[in-house]
Amino acid sequence: MTVRTRIAPSPTGDPHVGTAYIALFNLCFARAHGGQFILRIEDTDRERSTAESEQMILDSLQWLGLDWDEGPDVGGPHGPYRQSERGDIYAEHARKLLEAGHAFKCYRTSDELDELREARKAAGQHMALKPADLALPAEEHARREAEGWPYVVRMQVPSEGTCVVEDMLRGTIEVEWTQVDAQILLKSDGMPTYHLANVVDDHLMGITHVLRGEEWINSAPKHQLLYEYFGWPMPTLCHMPLLRNPDKSKLSKRKNPTSINYYRRMGFLPQAVTNYLGRMGWSMPDEREKFTLDEMMAHFDVQRVSLGGPVFDLEKLTWLNGVYIREDLDDTALLKALRDWAFNEDYVRQILPQVRPRVDTLSQVMPLAGHFFSGLPAIEESSFSSIKLERDELVKLLQFLVWRLEGVTRWEKESLLAEVKLLGEHFELKMKAFLAPVFIAITGSATSTSVMDAMAILGSDMTRARLRHAIAVLGGVSKKQAKRLEKEFREL
């Protein structure tokens, strides 16, 4: 048997370090067994998936040195490798489940589903909805079908008993069927959910081992049941521990920069980031902290993975990056790294139109454009002394902007400007007054190039990181204040 593993990211935002972490371990497992590693794009979310996000995923994984044998960019014998191009395959398999009685059409409306869940909640029952809960009277079901009501395809699931799932790291996992809902397999627009597409694709692509985050443990019974319904052998499962913040909470962009783009933009070396991700819950046999990707693949043993939540510590990553710079880069290599990082033609060409109209001598360029070549600005609370807003209102303005920017799918000046205008109206501030504190947070100065252009050039995660840095400099947001702000923000 040839070992085949895969990574299946969703192109709905910045490429996440968690995606790179899981990709790294799948790659190492495959290579350690002389196998193959596949990249598949799960782009069934039509509203949020973008070609730009897909390209960022490919670029960031390649930057880290993670290569794949099959994928949307390199092809392969099991394509297409984008789920949006495999719709007929999923529809056919959903039809087979319906014909075999393993799935059913559900015509329930959103309001009806909410009522059913509330009733179960009030009765102290599990929130999981079962086929019996969702069933309509036969006449009503026939009426809605005849009238062409929208429907979803859901899977049949047991109402009682225990599902037993075997895991490479965790051994036997038992999940009560009462906790498992009648999962939607095909949405009303004809697109599959993760659960159907995941199982069908893994089987058709010959995936033998699935290494994924532990957040998918609760989905394992549904997947195992689907494999039984189709009569297929199930891949061996391995649920990896989640990356954690230093406070042990799940790694999230609200507490840590999570985009690979951020670390690339900050000037981290790809080999240092890959090395650090390899240390997340795993260790070399000799326990050394610094090792190459080739060394990790050569010595990889999944049983050395620790189930304790690995802490993604930015200070430790920064230290390791410094070790790589000092030990691995001579002057020639360091110069090349600098050019690759920010002093390359493509990046500088974006900046030149911002500085050319504002300088009289070349020596003025770097002071004016320095924020394009730096990390977090060296600002303090007094940097905002010229802003005519109370501290709490200033923090709220910056926090609301961070939250609005988290929802921007196309990171371009026009989209950013629309968010700024909306918030400016909310705070009853003219554009110049609204942007004044943003200017300082992004550029570290009250006088520099256009802040809107700077945000577009710096990218989404660096922009948000600088805004969060400014909020922290201003004293941060307490838990109590955060709840109040989130309530107000939702009313926007």
Protein backbone atom coordinates (compact mmCIF):
# COMPACT_ATOMS: atom_id res chain seq x y z
CA MET A 1 0.00 0.00 0.00
CA THR A 2 1.27 3.46 -0.93
CA VAL A 3 0.66 5.94 1.87
CA ARG A 4 -1.28 8.97 0.64
CA THR A 5 -2.08 11.97 2.81
CA ARG A 6 -3.68 15.31 1.98
CA ILE A 7 -4.32 18.84 3.11
CA ALA A 8 -7.61 20.46 2.11
CA PRO A 9 -7.65 24.18 2.97
CA SER A 10 -10.55 26.51 2.33
CA PRO A 11 -9.64 29.65 0.31
CA THR A 12 -11.69 32.06 2.38
CA GLY A 13 -9.05 34.37 3.87
CA ASP A 14 -5.39 34.70 4.73
CA PRO A 15 -3.42 31.43 4.79
CA HIS A 16 -3.46 30.25 8.42
CA VAL A 17 -0.44 28.92 10.33
CA GLY A 18 -2.71 26.09 11.49
CA THR A 19 -3.10 25.02 7.85
CA ALA A 20 0.67 25.04 7.43
CA TYR A 21 1.08 23.04 10.66
CA ILE A 22 -1.29 20.30 9.52
CA ALA A 23 0.20 20.35 6.00
CA LEU A 24 3.70 19.92 7.44
CA PHE A 25 2.76 16.85 9.46
CA ASN A 26 0.86 15.28 6.57
CA LEU A 27 3.85 15.84 4.30
CA CYS A 28 6.32 14.41 6.81
CA PHE A 29 4.14 11.36 7.47
CA ALA A 30 3.85 10.65 3.75
CA ARG A 31 7.55 11.13 3.04
CA ALA A 32 8.60 9.06 6.06
CA HIS A 33 6.64 6.16 4.55
CA GLY A 34 7.75 6.74 0.98
CA GLY A 35 4.27 8.00 0.14
CA GLN A 36 2.53 10.91 -1.58
CA PHE A 37 1.07 14.20 -0.36
CA ILE A 38 -1.92 15.80 -2.08
CA LEU A 39 -3.25 19.37 -1.98
CA ARG A 40 -7.00 19.77 -2.47
CA ILE A 41 -8.90 23.06 -2.38
CA GLU A 42 -12.22 23.02 -0.51
CA ASP A 43 -13.93 25.99 -2.17
CA THR A 44 -17.58 25.05 -1.84
CA ASP A 45 -18.30 28.24 0.14
CA ARG A 46 -19.27 30.30 -2.90
CA GLU A 47 -19.67 33.58 -1.02
CA ARG A 48 -16.31 33.57 0.77
CA SER A 49 -13.99 31.57 -1.49
CA THR A 50 -11.74 33.63 -3.75
CA ALA A 51 -9.07 32.90 -6.33
CA GLU A 52 -6.80 35.39 -4.53
CA SER A 53 -7.06 33.41 -1.30
CA GLU A 54 -6.32 30.15 -3.12
CA GLN A 55 -3.19 31.65 -4.66
CA MET A 56 -2.06 32.91 -1.25
CA ILE A 57 -2.41 29.37 0.13
CA LEU A 58 -0.27 27.96 -2.68
CA ASP A 59 2.31 30.74 -2.36
CA SER A 60 2.60 30.50 1.43
CA LEU A 61 2.99 26.69 1.52
CA GLN A 62 5.57 26.85 -1.26
CA TRP A 63 7.39 29.64 0.61
CA LEU A 64 7.62 27.32 3.63
CA GLY A 65 9.14 24.61 1.45
CA LEU A 66 6.11 22.30 1.58
CA ASP A 67 5.60 20.62 -1.79
CA TRP A 68 2.84 18.31 -2.99
CA ASP A 69 2.63 15.55 -5.57
CA GLU A 70 -0.87 16.35 -6.84
CA GLY A 71 -2.95 19.51 -6.69
CA PRO A 72 -4.82 22.19 -8.65
CA ASP A 73 -1.59 23.77 -9.88
CA VAL A 74 0.36 20.61 -10.76
CA GLY A 75 -2.48 18.30 -11.78
CA GLY A 76 -2.55 14.56 -11.20
CA PRO A 77 -4.56 11.43 -11.98
CA HIS A 78 -7.33 12.13 -9.45
CA GLY A 79 -8.41 15.63 -10.47
CA PRO A 80 -10.08 18.02 -10.50
CA TYR A 81 -8.50 19.15 -7.21
CA ARG A 82 -10.94 22.00 -6.56
CA GLN A 83 -14.22 20.90 -5.01
CA SER A 84 -16.12 23.56 -6.94
CA GLU A 85 -15.23 21.61 -10.09
CA ARG A 86 -16.47 18.26 -8.71
CA GLY A 87 -20.17 19.09 -8.27
CA ASP A 88 -21.46 16.28 -10.49
CA ILE A 89 -19.44 13.74 -8.50
CA TYR A 90 -21.01 14.82 -5.19
CA ALA A 91 -24.52 14.96 -6.67
CA GLU A 92 -24.17 11.40 -7.96
CA HIS A 93 -23.00 10.11 -4.59
CA ALA A 94 -25.78 11.98 -2.76
CA ARG A 95 -28.27 10.36 -5.16
CA LYS A 96 -26.87 6.91 -4.28
CA LEU A 97 -27.34 7.61 -0.58
CA LEU A 98 -30.93 8.75 -1.16
CA GLU A 99 -31.76 5.66 -3.21
CA ALA A 100 -30.26 3.38 -0.54
CA GLY A 101 -32.25 5.10 2.22
CA HIS A 102 -29.09 6.37 3.92
CA ALA A 103 -30.08 10.00 3.31
CA PHE A 104 -33.28 11.99 2.96
CA LYS A 105 -34.54 15.28 1.56
CA CYS A 106 -35.29 17.84 4.26
CA TYR A 107 -37.70 20.66 3.44
CA ARG A 108 -37.59 22.27 6.87
CA THR A 109 -37.24 26.09 6.91
CA SER A 110 -34.70 28.00 9.00
CA ASP A 111 -37.44 29.18 11.36
CA GLU A 112 -38.71 25.66 11.85
CA LEU A 113 -35.19 24.42 12.59
CA ASP A 114 -34.72 27.17 15.18
CA GLU A 115 -38.00 26.20 16.85
CA LEU A 116 -37.00 22.53 16.95
CA ARG A 117 -33.64 23.37 18.54
CA GLU A 118 -35.22 25.67 21.09
CA ALA A 119 -37.72 22.96 22.02
CA ARG A 120 -34.92 20.45 22.56
CA LYS A 121 -32.96 22.99 24.58
CA ALA A 122 -35.97 23.73 26.78
CA ALA A 123 -36.42 19.99 27.36
CA GLY A 124 -32.78 19.65 28.39
CA GLN A 125 -31.96 17.42 25.43
CA HIS A 126 -28.94 17.37 23.13
CA MET A 127 -29.24 19.98 20.38
CA ALA A 128 -28.52 17.38 17.68
CA LEU A 129 -31.55 17.03 15.41
CA LYS A 130 -32.41 13.50 14.33
CA PRO A 131 -34.31 12.32 11.23
CA ALA A 132 -37.40 11.75 13.38
CA ASP A 133 -37.24 15.34 14.66
CA LEU A 134 -36.99 16.70 11.12
CA ALA A 135 -39.68 14.54 9.56
CA LEU A 136 -42.73 16.36 8.21
CA PRO A 137 -46.19 14.79 7.95
CA ALA A 138 -46.32 12.82 4.69
CA GLU A 139 -48.90 15.16 3.13
CA GLU A 140 -46.89 18.28 4.01
CA HIS A 141 -43.68 16.74 2.69
CA ALA A 142 -45.42 15.85 -0.58
CA ARG A 143 -46.90 19.37 -0.87
CA ARG A 144 -43.56 21.09 -0.42
CA GLU A 145 -41.93 18.70 -2.88
CA ALA A 146 -44.67 19.30 -5.49
CA GLU A 147 -44.39 23.06 -5.07
CA GLY A 148 -40.63 22.95 -5.56
CA TRP A 149 -39.57 24.14 -2.12
CA PRO A 150 -35.81 24.32 -1.57
CA TYR A 151 -34.41 21.34 0.29
CA VAL A 152 -31.16 19.95 1.62
CA VAL A 153 -30.01 16.34 1.64
CA ARG A 154 -29.29 15.04 5.15
CA MET A 155 -27.78 11.76 6.27
CA GLN A 156 -29.54 9.16 8.37
CA VAL A 157 -27.93 8.78 11.81
CA PRO A 158 -28.71 6.44 14.74
CA SER A 159 -30.64 7.87 17.66
CA GLU A 160 -29.00 5.75 20.34
CA GLY A 161 -25.91 3.72 21.06
CA THR A 162 -22.23 4.55 20.80
CA CYS A 163 -19.95 5.07 17.83
CA VAL A 164 -16.42 3.71 18.27
CA VAL A 165 -13.67 5.43 16.27
CA GLU A 166 -10.02 4.37 16.23
CA ASP A 167 -7.34 7.07 16.24
CA MET A 168 -3.59 6.64 15.70
CA LEU A 169 -2.71 8.89 18.65
CA ARG A 170 -5.74 8.66 20.91
CA GLY A 171 -6.64 5.00 20.60
CA THR A 172 -10.35 4.23 20.89
CA ILE A 173 -12.70 7.22 20.89
CA GLU A 174 -16.33 6.73 21.85
CA VAL A 175 -19.05 9.23 20.89
CA GLU A 176 -22.70 8.85 21.85
CA TRP A 177 -24.97 8.90 18.81
CA THR A 178 -27.34 11.19 20.71
CA GLN A 179 -24.74 13.95 20.16
CA VAL A 180 -24.61 13.48 16.39
CA ASP A 181 -27.08 15.35 14.20
CA ALA A 182 -28.57 14.40 10.87
CA GLN A 183 -25.80 16.21 9.03
CA ILE A 184 -26.53 18.17 5.86
CA LEU A 185 -24.64 16.56 2.96
CA LEU A 186 -25.89 18.60 0.04
CA LYS A 187 -26.94 22.23 0.48
CA SER A 188 -29.98 23.75 -1.20
CA ASP A 189 -27.74 25.32 -3.86
CA GLY A 190 -26.50 21.86 -4.82
CA MET A 191 -23.07 22.34 -3.26
CA PRO A 192 -21.79 19.69 -0.86
CA THR A 193 -20.91 20.31 2.75
CA TYR A 194 -17.44 19.49 4.02
CA HIS A 195 -18.63 16.13 5.29
CA LEU A 196 -19.84 14.63 2.02
CA ALA A 197 -17.09 16.16 -0.12
CA ASN A 198 -14.39 15.14 2.36
CA VAL A 199 -15.41 11.49 2.41
CA VAL A 200 -16.03 11.18 -1.34
CA ASP A 201 -12.81 12.95 -2.28
CA ASP A 202 -10.64 11.07 0.20
CA HIS A 203 -11.92 7.76 -1.18
CA LEU A 204 -11.67 8.66 -4.86
CA MET A 205 -8.22 10.16 -4.36
CA GLY A 206 -6.96 7.07 -2.55
CA ILE A 207 -6.18 8.80 0.74
CA THR A 208 -4.94 6.21 3.23
CA HIS A 209 -4.25 8.37 6.29
CA VAL A 210 -6.03 11.53 7.44
CA LEU A 211 -4.05 13.75 9.82
CA ARG A 212 -6.27 16.67 10.83
CA GLY A 213 -6.97 18.94 13.78
CA GLU A 214 -8.68 17.60 16.87
CA GLU A 215 -11.64 19.93 16.27
CA TRP A 216 -12.82 17.29 13.76
CA ILE A 217 -13.12 14.51 16.34
CA ASN A 218 -16.85 15.10 16.74
CA SER A 219 -17.28 14.75 12.98
CA ALA A 220 -15.52 11.39 12.85
CA PRO A 221 -18.71 9.35 13.59
CA LYS A 222 -20.49 10.99 10.64
CA HIS A 223 -17.58 10.27 8.34
CA GLN A 224 -17.22 6.70 9.54
CA LEU A 225 -20.94 6.16 8.98
CA LEU A 226 -20.69 7.54 5.45
CA TYR A 227 -17.86 5.15 4.66
CA GLU A 228 -20.08 2.30 5.89
CA TYR A 229 -23.00 3.52 3.79
CA PHE A 230 -20.83 3.62 0.65
CA GLY A 231 -19.17 0.29 1.48
CA TRP A 232 -15.70 1.81 1.39
CA PRO A 233 -12.69 1.20 3.68
CA MET A 234 -12.06 4.18 5.91
CA PRO A 235 -8.64 5.89 6.01
CA THR A 236 -6.71 5.71 9.25
CA LEU A 237 -7.49 8.78 11.37
CA CYS A 238 -5.06 10.87 13.39
CA HIS A 239 -6.40 13.95 15.17
CA MET A 240 -3.58 16.38 15.86
CA PRO A 241 -3.59 18.68 18.91
CA LEU A 242 -4.67 22.25 18.25
CA LEU A 243 -2.18 25.10 18.34
CA ARG A 244 -2.67 27.25 21.45
CA ASN A 245 -2.04 30.81 22.54
CA PRO A 246 0.27 31.24 25.55
CA ASP A 247 -2.85 31.39 27.76
CA LYS A 248 -3.77 27.89 26.42
CA SER A 249 -6.77 29.17 24.47
CA LYS A 250 -7.19 28.08 20.85
CA LEU A 251 -4.86 30.00 18.55
CA SER A 252 -6.90 32.85 17.10
CA LYS A 253 -6.24 36.01 15.14
CA ARG A 254 -7.71 38.07 17.97
CA LYS A 255 -4.80 37.14 20.23
CA ASN A 256 -1.99 36.22 17.84
CA PRO A 257 -1.18 36.97 14.20
CA THR A 258 -2.27 33.76 12.50
CA SER A 259 -1.59 34.47 8.84
CA ILE A 260 1.53 33.05 7.25
CA ASN A 261 1.60 36.30 5.28
CA TYR A 262 2.19 38.18 8.52
CA TYR A 263 5.29 36.19 9.41
CA ARG A 264 6.57 36.47 5.87
CA ARG A 265 5.98 40.23 5.91
CA MET A 266 7.66 40.59 9.32
CA GLY A 267 10.87 39.14 7.94
CA PHE A 268 10.82 35.64 9.39
CA LEU A 269 12.81 33.09 7.41
CA PRO A 270 10.70 30.29 5.91
CA GLN A 271 13.03 27.57 7.23
CA ALA A 272 12.71 29.00 10.76
CA VAL A 273 8.89 29.05 10.60
CA THR A 274 8.77 25.50 9.24
CA ASN A 275 11.21 24.35 11.92
CA TYR A 276 9.12 26.01 14.62
CA LEU A 277 5.88 24.46 13.35
CA GLY A 278 7.64 21.09 13.43
CA ARG A 279 8.25 21.65 17.15
CA MET A 280 4.52 22.04 17.77
CA GLY A 281 3.85 18.89 19.76
CA TRP A 282 6.64 16.88 18.14
CA SER A 283 10.36 16.50 18.75
CA MET A 284 13.39 15.01 17.06
CA PRO A 285 14.72 11.78 18.62
CA ASP A 286 17.75 13.69 19.95
CA GLU A 287 15.48 16.55 21.18
CA ARG A 288 17.41 19.25 19.31
CA GLU A 289 15.39 22.37 18.60
CA LYS A 290 16.92 23.39 15.28
CA PHE A 291 16.44 21.03 12.35
CA THR A 292 15.70 21.17 8.64
CA LEU A 293 12.58 19.96 6.87
CA ASP A 294 14.58 17.12 5.31
CA GLU A 295 15.78 16.06 8.76
CA MET A 296 12.24 16.13 10.12
CA MET A 297 10.98 13.97 7.25
CA ALA A 298 13.82 11.51 7.69
CA HIS A 299 13.20 11.06 11.43
CA PHE A 300 9.44 11.54 11.53
CA ASP A 301 7.42 9.24 13.77
CA VAL A 302 3.82 10.28 14.42
CA GLN A 303 3.89 8.48 17.77
CA ARG A 304 6.26 11.20 19.00
CA VAL A 305 3.40 13.72 18.75
CA SER A 306 2.31 14.90 22.20
CA LEU A 307 -1.41 15.42 22.77
CA GLY A 308 -0.83 18.38 25.07
CA GLY A 309 -1.88 21.56 23.26
CA PRO A 310 1.31 22.99 21.71
CA VAL A 311 1.78 26.69 22.52
CA PHE A 312 2.53 28.97 19.59
CA ASP A 313 4.90 31.38 21.31
CA LEU A 314 5.88 34.35 19.14
CA GLU A 315 8.89 35.12 21.35
CA LYS A 316 10.22 31.59 20.91
CA LEU A 317 9.72 31.75 17.15
CA THR A 318 11.51 35.10 17.04
CA TRP A 319 14.43 33.63 19.01
CA LEU A 320 14.68 30.65 16.64
CA ASN A 321 14.54 32.96 13.62
CA GLY A 322 17.46 34.93 15.05
CA VAL A 323 19.44 31.72 15.44
CA TYR A 324 18.88 30.94 11.76
CA ILE A 325 19.94 34.43 10.68
CA ARG A 326 23.14 34.32 12.74
CA GLU A 327 24.11 30.69 12.11
CA ASP A 328 22.90 29.98 8.59
CA LEU A 329 23.18 33.24 6.64
CA ASP A 330 26.51 34.69 5.59
CA ASP A 331 26.56 38.22 4.17
CA THR A 332 25.64 37.06 0.69
CA ALA A 333 22.74 34.93 1.92
CA LEU A 334 21.52 37.70 4.23
CA LEU A 335 21.55 40.19 1.36
CA LYS A 336 19.51 37.77 -0.74
CA ALA A 337 17.07 37.23 2.14
CA LEU A 338 16.59 41.00 2.46
CA ARG A 339 15.93 41.33 -1.25
CA ASP A 340 13.46 38.45 -1.21
CA TRP A 341 11.75 39.85 1.88
CA ALA A 342 10.99 43.48 0.98
CA PHE A 343 13.70 44.99 -1.21
CA ASN A 344 12.46 43.23 -4.31
CA GLU A 345 11.26 44.93 -7.46
CA ASP A 346 7.61 43.85 -7.23
CA TYR A 347 7.16 45.20 -3.72
CA VAL A 348 9.15 48.41 -4.19
CA ARG A 349 7.21 49.20 -7.38
CA GLN A 350 4.03 49.42 -5.27
CA ILE A 351 5.68 51.93 -2.96
CA LEU A 352 7.35 54.26 -5.49
CA PRO A 353 4.11 56.03 -6.53
CA GLN A 354 3.52 56.82 -2.85
CA VAL A 355 6.90 58.49 -2.25
CA ARG A 356 7.85 60.07 -5.59
CA PRO A 357 5.50 63.09 -5.31
CA ARG A 358 6.65 63.76 -1.74
CA VAL A 359 10.46 63.80 -1.95
CA ASP A 360 13.10 66.17 -3.26
CA THR A 361 16.14 64.00 -2.53
CA LEU A 362 16.67 60.24 -2.41
CA SER A 363 17.69 60.50 1.22
CA GLN A 364 14.12 61.47 2.09
CA VAL A 365 12.70 58.18 0.80
CA MET A 366 13.49 55.92 3.71
CA PRO A 367 12.19 58.24 6.49
CA LEU A 368 8.99 58.67 4.48
CA ALA A 369 8.56 55.02 3.46
CA GLY A 370 10.13 53.29 6.45
CA HIS A 371 6.82 51.84 7.61
CA PHE A 372 6.73 49.68 4.47
CA PHE A 373 9.96 48.01 5.58
CA SER A 374 9.32 47.52 9.28
CA GLY A 375 7.28 45.41 11.65
CA LEU A 376 5.16 46.95 14.39
CA PRO A 377 5.62 50.75 14.68
CA ALA A 378 7.47 52.14 17.71
CA ILE A 379 4.52 54.04 19.13
CA GLU A 380 3.32 54.81 22.64
CA GLU A 381 0.19 56.36 24.12
CA SER A 382 1.61 59.87 23.76
CA SER A 383 1.84 59.29 19.99
CA PHE A 384 -1.93 59.85 19.92
CA SER A 385 -1.89 63.06 21.96
CA SER A 386 -2.93 65.17 18.96
CA ILE A 387 -6.09 63.10 18.39
CA LYS A 388 -9.20 64.91 19.64
CA LEU A 389 -10.88 61.81 21.03
CA GLU A 390 -11.13 60.38 24.53
CA ARG A 391 -9.02 57.26 25.04
CA ASP A 392 -12.02 54.90 25.28
CA GLU A 393 -13.54 56.34 22.11
CA LEU A 394 -10.18 56.07 20.34
CA VAL A 395 -9.81 52.43 21.35
CA LYS A 396 -13.36 51.72 20.21
CA LEU A 397 -12.67 53.31 16.83
CA LEU A 398 -9.56 51.18 16.27
CA GLN A 399 -11.24 48.00 17.57
CA PHE A 400 -14.28 48.46 15.34
CA LEU A 401 -11.98 48.95 12.37
CA VAL A 402 -10.12 45.71 13.17
CA TRP A 403 -13.40 43.80 13.33
CA ARG A 404 -14.69 45.31 10.09
CA LEU A 405 -11.43 44.50 8.31
CA GLU A 406 -11.64 40.87 9.45
CA GLY A 407 -14.63 40.50 7.13
CA VAL A 408 -12.96 41.97 4.03
CA THR A 409 -12.49 39.20 1.46
CA ARG A 410 -10.87 41.27 -1.31
CA TRP A 411 -8.04 43.29 0.17
CA GLU A 412 -7.92 46.32 -2.10
CA LYS A 413 -8.11 50.06 -1.53
CA GLU A 414 -11.73 50.43 -2.66
CA SER A 415 -12.97 47.75 -0.27
CA LEU A 416 -11.01 49.23 2.63
CA LEU A 417 -12.29 52.71 1.85
CA ALA A 418 -15.88 51.45 1.98
CA GLU A 419 -15.31 50.10 5.51
CA VAL A 420 -13.69 53.34 6.64
CA LYS A 421 -16.57 55.42 5.27
CA LEU A 422 -19.12 53.22 7.05
CA LEU A 423 -17.34 53.55 10.38
CA GLY A 424 -16.73 57.25 9.87
CA GLU A 425 -20.49 57.73 9.58
CA HIS A 426 -21.06 55.60 12.68
CA PHE A 427 -18.64 57.71 14.74
CA GLU A 428 -19.94 60.91 13.10
CA LEU A 429 -16.44 61.85 12.01
CA LYS A 430 -15.21 63.29 8.75
CA MET A 431 -12.81 61.09 6.83
CA LYS A 432 -9.72 63.07 7.84
CA ALA A 433 -10.62 62.96 11.54
CA PHE A 434 -11.41 59.24 11.44
CA LEU A 435 -8.19 58.38 9.68
CA ALA A 436 -5.94 60.49 11.93
CA PRO A 437 -5.46 57.78 14.62
CA VAL A 438 -5.40 55.06 11.96
CA PHE A 439 -2.57 56.96 10.28
CA ILE A 440 -0.49 56.79 13.46
CA ALA A 441 -1.33 53.15 14.13
CA ILE A 442 -0.37 52.02 10.62
CA THR A 443 2.59 54.26 9.78
CA GLY A 444 3.86 55.17 13.26
CA SER A 445 3.77 58.84 12.30
CA ALA A 446 1.32 61.68 11.83
CA THR A 447 2.88 62.56 8.48
CA SER A 448 3.62 59.95 5.87
CA THR A 449 2.26 58.42 2.67
CA SER A 450 -1.45 57.73 2.15
CA VAL A 451 -2.65 55.47 4.94
CA MET A 452 -5.26 53.81 2.73
CA ASP A 453 -2.62 52.92 0.15
CA ALA A 454 -0.32 51.76 2.94
CA MET A 455 -2.99 49.39 4.28
CA ALA A 456 -3.56 47.97 0.80
CA ILE A 457 0.18 47.43 0.23
CA LEU A 458 1.00 46.08 3.70
CA GLY A 459 -1.74 43.47 3.46
CA SER A 460 -4.56 42.33 5.71
CA ASP A 461 -2.78 40.60 8.58
CA MET A 462 -0.01 43.19 8.95
CA THR A 463 -2.60 45.97 8.90
CA ARG A 464 -4.71 44.32 11.57
CA ALA A 465 -1.62 43.48 13.64
CA ARG A 466 -0.60 47.14 13.67
CA LEU A 467 -4.10 48.23 14.67
CA ARG A 468 -4.13 45.67 17.51
CA HIS A 469 -0.67 46.88 18.56
CA ALA A 470 -2.01 50.43 18.78
CA ILE A 471 -4.95 49.24 20.88
CA ALA A 472 -2.55 47.48 23.25
CA VAL A 473 -0.38 50.62 23.49
CA LEU A 474 -3.50 52.56 24.48
CA GLY A 475 -4.21 50.15 27.33
CA GLY A 476 -6.10 47.40 25.52
CA VAL A 477 -9.69 46.25 25.93
CA SER A 478 -10.90 44.58 29.13
CA LYS A 479 -13.24 41.57 28.98
CA LYS A 480 -16.10 43.68 30.26
CA GLN A 481 -15.39 46.42 27.73
CA ALA A 482 -15.05 43.84 24.93
CA LYS A 483 -18.55 42.47 25.58
CA ARG A 484 -20.02 45.96 25.47
CA LEU A 485 -18.13 46.84 22.30
CA GLU A 486 -19.09 43.60 20.56
CA LYS A 487 -22.76 44.24 21.31
CA GLU A 488 -22.55 47.73 19.84
CA PHE A 489 -20.53 46.47 16.87
CA ARG A 490 -23.15 43.84 15.99
CA GLU A 491 -25.72 46.62 15.73
CA LEU A 492 -23.78 48.40 12.99
